[in-house]
């Protein structure tokens, strides 16, 4: 897949980029610059194309609920035990 190929994007992402590009052009920005800005915005919002990989981010909802990531302590199921109370030395 050559650089700049948009085949890895979903229909929704393509539609978003088209609408964003149109709004930039209405503001007087050139077609080429508007297209670059539109795709940069789509990439920022969605994390890239539809294919899985390192460029994909967890959704904001998943991050808030912790659905995608868990801390090491939670994933192992271990909890910290409270310290046992110390016994005082015997009185003489």
PDB file of N, CA and C in Angstrom:
ATOM      1  N   UNK A   1       0.840  -1.168   0.000  1.00  0.00           N
ATOM      2  CA  UNK A   1       0.000   0.000   0.000  1.00  0.00           C
ATOM      3  C   UNK A   1       0.897   1.247   0.000  1.00  0.00           C
ATOM      4  N   UNK A   2       0.803   2.083  -1.012  1.00  0.00           N
ATOM      5  CA  UNK A   2       1.639   3.275  -1.081  1.00  0.00           C
ATOM      6  C   UNK A   2       1.225   4.311  -0.030  1.00  0.00           C
ATOM      7  N   UNK A   3       2.139   5.194   0.277  1.00  0.00           N
ATOM      8  CA  UNK A   3       1.842   6.258   1.235  1.00  0.00           C
ATOM      9  C   UNK A   3       0.686   7.091   0.721  1.00  0.00           C
ATOM     10  N   UNK A   4      -0.188   7.481   1.624  1.00  0.00           N
ATOM     11  CA  UNK A   4      -1.321   8.311   1.242  1.00  0.00           C
ATOM     12  C   UNK A   4      -2.524   7.531   0.768  1.00  0.00           C
ATOM     13  N   UNK A   5      -2.411   6.211   0.711  1.00  0.00           N
ATOM     14  CA  UNK A   5      -3.535   5.385   0.270  1.00  0.00           C
ATOM     15  C   UNK A   5      -4.615   5.400   1.349  1.00  0.00           C
ATOM     16  N   UNK A   6      -5.845   5.670   0.956  1.00  0.00           N
ATOM     17  CA  UNK A   6      -6.939   5.814   1.917  1.00  0.00           C
ATOM     18  C   UNK A   6      -7.836   4.579   1.990  1.00  0.00           C
ATOM     19  N   UNK A   7      -7.386   3.453   1.437  1.00  0.00           N
ATOM     20  CA  UNK A   7      -8.231   2.262   1.413  1.00  0.00           C
ATOM     21  C   UNK A   7      -8.410   1.637   2.793  1.00  0.00           C
ATOM     22  N   UNK A   8      -7.539   1.964   3.745  1.00  0.00           N
ATOM     23  CA  UNK A   8      -7.625   1.377   5.079  1.00  0.00           C
ATOM     24  C   UNK A   8      -8.600   2.121   5.987  1.00  0.00           C
ATOM     25  N   UNK A   9      -9.256   3.151   5.477  1.00  0.00           N
ATOM     26  CA  UNK A   9     -10.182   3.943   6.288  1.00  0.00           C
ATOM     27  C   UNK A   9     -11.612   3.447   6.107  1.00  0.00           C
ATOM     28  N   UNK A  10     -12.401   3.602   7.165  1.00  0.00           N
ATOM     29  CA  UNK A  10     -13.806   3.207   7.096  1.00  0.00           C
ATOM     30  C   UNK A  10     -14.589   4.252   6.308  1.00  0.00           C
ATOM     31  N   UNK A  11     -15.809   3.906   5.946  1.00  0.00           N
ATOM     32  CA  UNK A  11     -16.664   4.851   5.220  1.00  0.00           C
ATOM     33  C   UNK A  11     -16.940   6.085   6.080  1.00  0.00           C
ATOM     34  N   UNK A  12     -17.116   5.873   7.368  1.00  0.00           N
ATOM     35  CA  UNK A  12     -17.367   6.996   8.274  1.00  0.00           C
ATOM     36  C   UNK A  12     -16.167   7.945   8.302  1.00  0.00           C
ATOM     37  N   UNK A  13     -14.947   7.395   8.368  1.00  0.00           N
ATOM     38  CA  UNK A  13     -13.760   8.235   8.387  1.00  0.00           C
ATOM     39  C   UNK A  13     -13.609   9.015   7.085  1.00  0.00           C
ATOM     40  N   UNK A  14     -13.904   8.371   5.955  1.00  0.00           N
ATOM     41  CA  UNK A  14     -13.828   9.063   4.669  1.00  0.00           C
ATOM     42  C   UNK A  14     -14.860  10.184   4.598  1.00  0.00           C
ATOM     43  N   UNK A  15     -16.058   9.909   5.107  1.00  0.00           N
ATOM     44  CA  UNK A  15     -17.120  10.916   5.122  1.00  0.00           C
ATOM     45  C   UNK A  15     -16.739  12.092   6.020  1.00  0.00           C
ATOM     46  N   UNK A  16     -16.151  11.807   7.178  1.00  0.00           N
ATOM     47  CA  UNK A  16     -15.713  12.871   8.072  1.00  0.00           C
ATOM     48  C   UNK A  16     -14.658  13.743   7.401  1.00  0.00           C
ATOM     49  N   UNK A  17     -13.683  13.105   6.753  1.00  0.00           N
ATOM     50  CA  UNK A  17     -12.621  13.857   6.087  1.00  0.00           C
ATOM     51  C   UNK A  17     -13.189  14.734   4.975  1.00  0.00           C
ATOM     52  N   UNK A  18     -14.140  14.192   4.215  1.00  0.00           N
ATOM     53  CA  UNK A  18     -14.747  14.971   3.138  1.00  0.00           C
ATOM     54  C   UNK A  18     -15.464  16.199   3.695  1.00  0.00           C
ATOM     55  N   UNK A  19     -16.218  16.027   4.783  1.00  0.00           N
ATOM     56  CA  UNK A  19     -16.955  17.144   5.369  1.00  0.00           C
ATOM     57  C   UNK A  19     -16.021  18.184   5.986  1.00  0.00           C
ATOM     58  N   UNK A  20     -14.970  17.714   6.643  1.00  0.00           N
ATOM     59  CA  UNK A  20     -13.996  18.640   7.228  1.00  0.00           C
ATOM     60  C   UNK A  20     -13.280  19.410   6.131  1.00  0.00           C
ATOM     61  N   UNK A  21     -12.915  18.713   5.060  1.00  0.00           N
ATOM     62  CA  UNK A  21     -12.237  19.361   3.933  1.00  0.00           C
ATOM     63  C   UNK A  21     -13.128  20.442   3.319  1.00  0.00           C
ATOM     64  N   UNK A  22     -14.411  20.130   3.170  1.00  0.00           N
ATOM     65  CA  UNK A  22     -15.334  21.106   2.592  1.00  0.00           C
ATOM     66  C   UNK A  22     -15.424  22.357   3.463  1.00  0.00           C
ATOM     67  N   UNK A  23     -15.440  22.181   4.787  1.00  0.00           N
ATOM     68  CA  UNK A  23     -15.538  23.339   5.678  1.00  0.00           C
ATOM     69  C   UNK A  23     -14.269  24.197   5.624  1.00  0.00           C
ATOM     70  N   UNK A  24     -13.102  23.557   5.462  1.00  0.00           N
ATOM     71  CA  UNK A  24     -11.865  24.318   5.308  1.00  0.00           C
ATOM     72  C   UNK A  24     -11.882  25.111   4.001  1.00  0.00           C
ATOM     73  N   UNK A  25     -12.363  24.493   2.933  1.00  0.00           N
ATOM     74  CA  UNK A  25     -12.404  25.186   1.646  1.00  0.00           C
ATOM     75  C   UNK A  25     -13.354  26.376   1.691  1.00  0.00           C
ATOM     76  N   UNK A  26     -14.448  26.254   2.453  1.00  0.00           N
ATOM     77  CA  UNK A  26     -15.379  27.378   2.603  1.00  0.00           C
ATOM     78  C   UNK A  26     -14.732  28.544   3.334  1.00  0.00           C
ATOM     79  N   UNK A  27     -13.721  28.257   4.139  1.00  0.00           N
ATOM     80  CA  UNK A  27     -13.002  29.302   4.866  1.00  0.00           C
ATOM     81  C   UNK A  27     -11.911  29.938   4.015  1.00  0.00           C
ATOM     82  N   UNK A  28     -11.721  29.451   2.791  1.00  0.00           N
ATOM     83  CA  UNK A  28     -10.765  30.047   1.871  1.00  0.00           C
ATOM     84  C   UNK A  28      -9.407  29.360   1.828  1.00  0.00           C
ATOM     85  N   UNK A  29      -9.297  28.182   2.410  1.00  0.00           N
ATOM     86  CA  UNK A  29      -8.037  27.441   2.394  1.00  0.00           C
ATOM     87  C   UNK A  29      -7.978  26.614   1.110  1.00  0.00           C
ATOM     88  N   UNK A  30      -6.784  26.507   0.526  1.00  0.00           N
ATOM     89  CA  UNK A  30      -6.647  25.791  -0.739  1.00  0.00           C
ATOM     90  C   UNK A  30      -7.067  24.329  -0.595  1.00  0.00           C
ATOM     91  N   UNK A  31      -7.426  23.735  -1.721  1.00  0.00           N
ATOM     92  CA  UNK A  31      -7.934  22.366  -1.736  1.00  0.00           C
ATOM     93  C   UNK A  31      -6.905  21.368  -1.199  1.00  0.00           C
ATOM     94  N   UNK A  32      -5.646  21.546  -1.589  1.00  0.00           N
ATOM     95  CA  UNK A  32      -4.593  20.628  -1.169  1.00  0.00           C
ATOM     96  C   UNK A  32      -4.346  20.706   0.339  1.00  0.00           C
ATOM     97  N   UNK A  33      -4.258  21.924   0.857  1.00  0.00           N
ATOM     98  CA  UNK A  33      -4.023  22.110   2.297  1.00  0.00           C
ATOM     99  C   UNK A  33      -5.235  21.640   3.090  1.00  0.00           C
ATOM    100  N   UNK A  34      -6.436  21.905   2.577  1.00  0.00           N
ATOM    101  CA  UNK A  34      -7.658  21.478   3.257  1.00  0.00           C
ATOM    102  C   UNK A  34      -7.723  19.961   3.370  1.00  0.00           C
ATOM    103  N   UNK A  35      -7.318  19.265   2.314  1.00  0.00           N
ATOM    104  CA  UNK A  35      -7.325  17.797   2.343  1.00  0.00           C
ATOM    105  C   UNK A  35      -6.338  17.270   3.381  1.00  0.00           C
ATOM    106  N   UNK A  36      -5.147  17.844   3.444  1.00  0.00           N
ATOM    107  CA  UNK A  36      -4.153  17.412   4.422  1.00  0.00           C
ATOM    108  C   UNK A  36      -4.651  17.640   5.847  1.00  0.00           C
ATOM    109  N   UNK A  37      -5.234  18.805   6.083  1.00  0.00           N
ATOM    110  CA  UNK A  37      -5.746  19.120   7.420  1.00  0.00           C
ATOM    111  C   UNK A  37      -6.911  18.205   7.797  1.00  0.00           C
ATOM    112  N   UNK A  38      -7.757  17.914   6.835  1.00  0.00           N
ATOM    113  CA  UNK A  38      -8.915  17.058   7.100  1.00  0.00           C
ATOM    114  C   UNK A  38      -8.467  15.659   7.518  1.00  0.00           C
ATOM    115  N   UNK A  39      -7.530  15.077   6.782  1.00  0.00           N
ATOM    116  CA  UNK A  39      -7.074  13.729   7.130  1.00  0.00           C
ATOM    117  C   UNK A  39      -6.291  13.734   8.432  1.00  0.00           C
ATOM    118  N   UNK A  40      -5.557  14.801   8.706  1.00  0.00           N
ATOM    119  CA  UNK A  40      -4.853  14.897   9.990  1.00  0.00           C
ATOM    120  C   UNK A  40      -5.853  14.937  11.145  1.00  0.00           C
ATOM    121  N   UNK A  41      -6.956  15.638  10.936  1.00  0.00           N
ATOM    122  CA  UNK A  41      -7.998  15.712  11.956  1.00  0.00           C
ATOM    123  C   UNK A  41      -8.658  14.362  12.163  1.00  0.00           C
ATOM    124  N   UNK A  42      -8.961  13.662  11.089  1.00  0.00           N
ATOM    125  CA  UNK A  42      -9.570  12.331  11.196  1.00  0.00           C
ATOM    126  C   UNK A  42      -8.618  11.379  11.919  1.00  0.00           C
ATOM    127  N   UNK A  43      -7.334  11.430  11.589  1.00  0.00           N
ATOM    128  CA  UNK A  43      -6.354  10.576  12.251  1.00  0.00           C
ATOM    129  C   UNK A  43      -6.266  10.885  13.740  1.00  0.00           C
ATOM    130  N   UNK A  44      -6.348  12.158  14.088  1.00  0.00           N
ATOM    131  CA  UNK A  44      -6.279  12.543  15.493  1.00  0.00           C
ATOM    132  C   UNK A  44      -7.501  12.039  16.250  1.00  0.00           C
ATOM    133  N   UNK A  45      -8.656  12.143  15.635  1.00  0.00           N
ATOM    134  CA  UNK A  45      -9.896  11.726  16.291  1.00  0.00           C
ATOM    135  C   UNK A  45     -10.007  10.217  16.430  1.00  0.00           C
ATOM    136  N   UNK A  46      -9.611   9.476  15.407  1.00  0.00           N
ATOM    137  CA  UNK A  46      -9.864   8.037  15.392  1.00  0.00           C
ATOM    138  C   UNK A  46      -8.617   7.174  15.549  1.00  0.00           C
ATOM    139  N   UNK A  47      -7.453   7.746  15.491  1.00  0.00           N
ATOM    140  CA  UNK A  47      -6.238   6.956  15.635  1.00  0.00           C
ATOM    141  C   UNK A  47      -5.764   6.300  14.357  1.00  0.00           C
ATOM    142  N   UNK A  48      -6.299   6.664  13.213  1.00  0.00           N
ATOM    143  CA  UNK A  48      -5.839   6.119  11.943  1.00  0.00           C
ATOM    144  C   UNK A  48      -6.879   5.269  11.252  1.00  0.00           C
ATOM    145  N   UNK A  49      -6.433   4.419  10.348  1.00  0.00           N
ATOM    146  CA  UNK A  49      -7.336   3.585   9.558  1.00  0.00           C
ATOM    147  C   UNK A  49      -7.998   2.486  10.367  1.00  0.00           C
ATOM    148  N   UNK A  50      -8.810   1.675   9.686  1.00  0.00           N
ATOM    149  CA  UNK A  50      -9.590   0.647  10.380  1.00  0.00           C
ATOM    150  C   UNK A  50      -8.787  -0.594  10.728  1.00  0.00           C
ATOM    151  N   UNK A  51      -7.615  -0.756  10.153  1.00  0.00           N
ATOM    152  CA  UNK A  51      -6.814  -1.939  10.412  1.00  0.00           C
ATOM    153  C   UNK A  51      -6.201  -1.864  11.799  1.00  0.00           C
ATOM    154  N   UNK A  52      -6.121  -2.987  12.490  1.00  0.00           N
ATOM    155  CA  UNK A  52      -5.561  -2.997  13.833  1.00  0.00           C
ATOM    156  C   UNK A  52      -4.057  -2.804  13.755  1.00  0.00           C
ATOM    157  N   UNK A  53      -3.498  -2.303  14.828  1.00  0.00           N
ATOM    158  CA  UNK A  53      -2.060  -2.106  14.872  1.00  0.00           C
ATOM    159  C   UNK A  53      -1.679  -1.073  15.905  1.00  0.00           C
ATOM    160  N   UNK A  54      -0.437  -0.675  15.887  1.00  0.00           N
ATOM    161  CA  UNK A  54       0.078   0.222  16.915  1.00  0.00           C
ATOM    162  C   UNK A  54      -0.516   1.621  16.816  1.00  0.00           C
ATOM    163  N   UNK A  55      -1.065   1.991  15.674  1.00  0.00           N
ATOM    164  CA  UNK A  55      -1.616   3.331  15.527  1.00  0.00           C
ATOM    165  C   UNK A  55      -3.003   3.494  16.121  1.00  0.00           C
ATOM    166  N   UNK A  56      -3.627   2.399  16.526  1.00  0.00           N
ATOM    167  CA  UNK A  56      -4.980   2.473  17.070  1.00  0.00           C
ATOM    168  C   UNK A  56      -4.935   2.788  18.554  1.00  0.00           C
ATOM    169  N   UNK A  57      -5.846   3.626  18.967  1.00  0.00           N
ATOM    170  CA  UNK A  57      -5.949   3.998  20.368  1.00  0.00           C
ATOM    171  C   UNK A  57      -7.242   3.445  20.943  1.00  0.00           C
ATOM    172  N   UNK A  58      -7.267   3.291  22.237  1.00  0.00           N
ATOM    173  CA  UNK A  58      -8.499   2.898  22.909  1.00  0.00           C
ATOM    174  C   UNK A  58      -9.461   4.089  22.875  1.00  0.00           C
ATOM    175  N   UNK A  59     -10.731   3.818  22.791  1.00  0.00           N
ATOM    176  CA  UNK A  59     -11.698   4.895  22.769  1.00  0.00           C
ATOM    177  C   UNK A  59     -11.699   5.618  24.108  1.00  0.00           C
ATOM    178  N   UNK A  60     -12.206   6.835  24.138  1.00  0.00           N
ATOM    179  CA  UNK A  60     -12.244   7.607  25.371  1.00  0.00           C
ATOM    180  C   UNK A  60     -13.083   6.913  26.427  1.00  0.00           C
ATOM    181  N   UNK A  61     -14.153   6.266  26.012  1.00  0.00           N
ATOM    182  CA  UNK A  61     -15.018   5.561  26.953  1.00  0.00           C
ATOM    183  C   UNK A  61     -14.265   4.377  27.558  1.00  0.00           C
ATOM    184  N   UNK A  62     -13.543   3.640  26.739  1.00  0.00           N
ATOM    185  CA  UNK A  62     -12.795   2.491  27.232  1.00  0.00           C
ATOM    186  C   UNK A  62     -11.702   2.925  28.202  1.00  0.00           C
ATOM    187  N   UNK A  63     -11.080   4.071  27.926  1.00  0.00           N
ATOM    188  CA  UNK A  63     -10.030   4.558  28.811  1.00  0.00           C
ATOM    189  C   UNK A  63     -10.634   4.956  30.155  1.00  0.00           C
ATOM    190  N   UNK A  64     -11.795   5.613  30.135  1.00  0.00           N
ATOM    191  CA  UNK A  64     -12.437   6.029  31.381  1.00  0.00           C
ATOM    192  C   UNK A  64     -12.853   4.836  32.222  1.00  0.00           C
ATOM    193  N   UNK A  65     -13.386   3.799  31.595  1.00  0.00           N
ATOM    194  CA  UNK A  65     -13.858   2.632  32.338  1.00  0.00           C
ATOM    195  C   UNK A  65     -12.762   1.620  32.600  1.00  0.00           C
ATOM    196  N   UNK A  66     -11.614   1.772  31.955  1.00  0.00           N
ATOM    197  CA  UNK A  66     -10.520   0.827  32.144  1.00  0.00           C
ATOM    198  C   UNK A  66     -10.741  -0.475  31.412  1.00  0.00           C
ATOM    199  N   UNK A  67     -11.572  -0.467  30.384  1.00  0.00           N
ATOM    200  CA  UNK A  67     -11.889  -1.700  29.672  1.00  0.00           C
ATOM    201  C   UNK A  67     -10.703  -2.233  28.874  1.00  0.00           C
ATOM    202  N   UNK A  68      -9.900  -1.377  28.316  1.00  0.00           N
ATOM    203  CA  UNK A  68      -8.795  -1.829  27.477  1.00  0.00           C
ATOM    204  C   UNK A  68      -7.529  -2.108  28.285  1.00  0.00           C
ATOM    205  N   UNK A  69      -7.255  -1.261  29.262  1.00  0.00           N
ATOM    206  CA  UNK A  69      -6.003  -1.395  30.008  1.00  0.00           C
ATOM    207  C   UNK A  69      -6.306  -1.616  31.480  1.00  0.00           C
ATOM    208  N   UNK A  70      -5.468  -2.405  32.101  1.00  0.00           N
ATOM    209  CA  UNK A  70      -5.570  -2.608  33.534  1.00  0.00           C
ATOM    210  C   UNK A  70      -4.174  -2.511  34.114  1.00  0.00           C
ATOM    211  N   UNK A  71      -4.078  -2.034  35.317  1.00  0.00           N
ATOM    212  CA  UNK A  71      -2.765  -1.932  35.935  1.00  0.00           C
ATOM    213  C   UNK A  71      -2.257  -3.323  36.273  1.00  0.00           C
ATOM    214  N   UNK A  72      -0.986  -3.428  36.516  1.00  0.00           N
ATOM    215  CA  UNK A  72      -0.378  -4.732  36.803  1.00  0.00           C
ATOM    216  C   UNK A  72      -0.977  -5.354  38.058  1.00  0.00           C
ATOM    217  N   UNK A  73      -1.275  -4.546  39.061  1.00  0.00           N
ATOM    218  CA  UNK A  73      -1.828  -5.083  40.300  1.00  0.00           C
ATOM    219  C   UNK A  73      -3.215  -5.660  40.075  1.00  0.00           C
ATOM    220  N   UNK A  74      -4.010  -4.998  39.259  1.00  0.00           N
ATOM    221  CA  UNK A  74      -5.362  -5.482  39.006  1.00  0.00           C
ATOM    222  C   UNK A  74      -5.345  -6.752  38.172  1.00  0.00           C
ATOM    223  N   UNK A  75      -4.453  -6.830  37.209  1.00  0.00           N
ATOM    224  CA  UNK A  75      -4.454  -7.974  36.304  1.00  0.00           C
ATOM    225  C   UNK A  75      -3.953  -9.251  36.982  1.00  0.00           C
ATOM    226  N   UNK A  76      -3.081  -9.124  37.991  1.00  0.00           N
ATOM    227  CA  UNK A  76      -2.579 -10.316  38.668  1.00  0.00           C
ATOM    228  C   UNK A  76      -3.519 -10.789  39.750  1.00  0.00           C
ATOM    229  N   UNK A  77      -4.417  -9.921  40.211  1.00  0.00           N
ATOM    230  CA  UNK A  77      -5.368 -10.299  41.238  1.00  0.00           C
ATOM    231  C   UNK A  77      -4.788 -10.233  42.638  1.00  0.00           C
ATOM    232  N   UNK A  78      -3.560  -9.784  42.776  1.00  0.00           N
ATOM    233  CA  UNK A  78      -2.925  -9.699  44.080  1.00  0.00           C
ATOM    234  C   UNK A  78      -3.274  -8.375  44.742  1.00  0.00           C
ATOM    235  N   UNK A  79      -3.534  -8.448  46.016  1.00  0.00           N
ATOM    236  CA  UNK A  79      -3.783  -7.224  46.766  1.00  0.00           C
ATOM    237  C   UNK A  79      -2.762  -7.126  47.875  1.00  0.00           C
ATOM    238  N   UNK A  80      -2.498  -5.940  48.291  1.00  0.00           N
ATOM    239  CA  UNK A  80      -1.530  -5.736  49.359  1.00  0.00           C
ATOM    240  C   UNK A  80      -2.169  -6.125  50.686  1.00  0.00           C
ATOM    241  N   UNK A  81      -1.462  -6.940  51.477  1.00  0.00           N
ATOM    242  CA  UNK A  81      -1.969  -7.345  52.772  1.00  0.00           C
ATOM    243  C   UNK A  81      -1.561  -6.301  53.806  1.00  0.00           C
ATOM    244  N   UNK A  82      -2.446  -6.023  54.747  1.00  0.00           N
ATOM    245  CA  UNK A  82      -2.040  -5.089  55.797  1.00  0.00           C
ATOM    246  C   UNK A  82      -0.974  -5.740  56.678  1.00  0.00           C
ATOM    247  N   UNK A  83      -0.121  -4.923  57.252  1.00  0.00           N
ATOM    248  CA  UNK A  83       0.960  -5.437  58.095  1.00  0.00           C
ATOM    249  C   UNK A  83       0.357  -6.062  59.350  1.00  0.00           C
ATOM    250  N   UNK A  84       0.926  -7.178  59.764  1.00  0.00           N
ATOM    251  CA  UNK A  84       0.470  -7.836  60.984  1.00  0.00           C
ATOM    252  C   UNK A  84       0.825  -6.970  62.176  1.00  0.00           C
ATOM    253  N   UNK A  85      -0.069  -6.893  63.168  1.00  0.00           N
ATOM    254  CA  UNK A  85       0.259  -6.067  64.342  1.00  0.00           C
ATOM    255  C   UNK A  85       1.440  -6.670  65.092  1.00  0.00           C
ATOM    256  N   UNK A  86       2.295  -5.805  65.589  1.00  0.00           N
ATOM    257  CA  UNK A  86       3.473  -6.260  66.320  1.00  0.00           C
ATOM    258  C   UNK A  86       3.081  -6.614  67.755  1.00  0.00           C
ATOM    259  N   UNK A  87       3.662  -7.684  68.224  1.00  0.00           N
ATOM    260  CA  UNK A  87       3.420  -8.070  69.605  1.00  0.00           C
ATOM    261  C   UNK A  87       4.416  -7.331  70.503  1.00  0.00           C
ATOM    262  N   UNK A  88       3.909  -6.868  71.600  1.00  0.00           N
ATOM    263  CA  UNK A  88       4.804  -6.171  72.534  1.00  0.00           C
ATOM    264  C   UNK A  88       5.638  -7.198  73.284  1.00  0.00           C
ATOM    265  N   UNK A  89       6.834  -6.840  73.684  1.00  0.00           N
ATOM    266  CA  UNK A  89       7.671  -7.800  74.414  1.00  0.00           C
ATOM    267  C   UNK A  89       7.032  -8.116  75.767  1.00  0.00           C
ATOM    268  N   UNK A  90       7.283  -9.311  76.281  1.00  0.00           N
ATOM    269  CA  UNK A  90       6.692  -9.677  77.582  1.00  0.00           C
ATOM    270  C   UNK A  90       7.206  -8.771  78.691  1.00  0.00           C
ATOM    271  N   UNK A  91       6.323  -8.459  79.663  1.00  0.00           N
ATOM    272  CA  UNK A  91       6.713  -7.607  80.792  1.00  0.00           C
ATOM    273  C   UNK A  91       7.399  -8.441  81.842  1.00  0.00           C
ATOM    274  N   UNK A  92       8.346  -7.832  82.533  1.00  0.00           N
ATOM    275  CA  UNK A  92       9.077  -8.540  83.583  1.00  0.00           C
ATOM    276  C   UNK A  92       8.693  -8.080  84.923  1.00  0.00           C
TER     277      UNK A  92
END
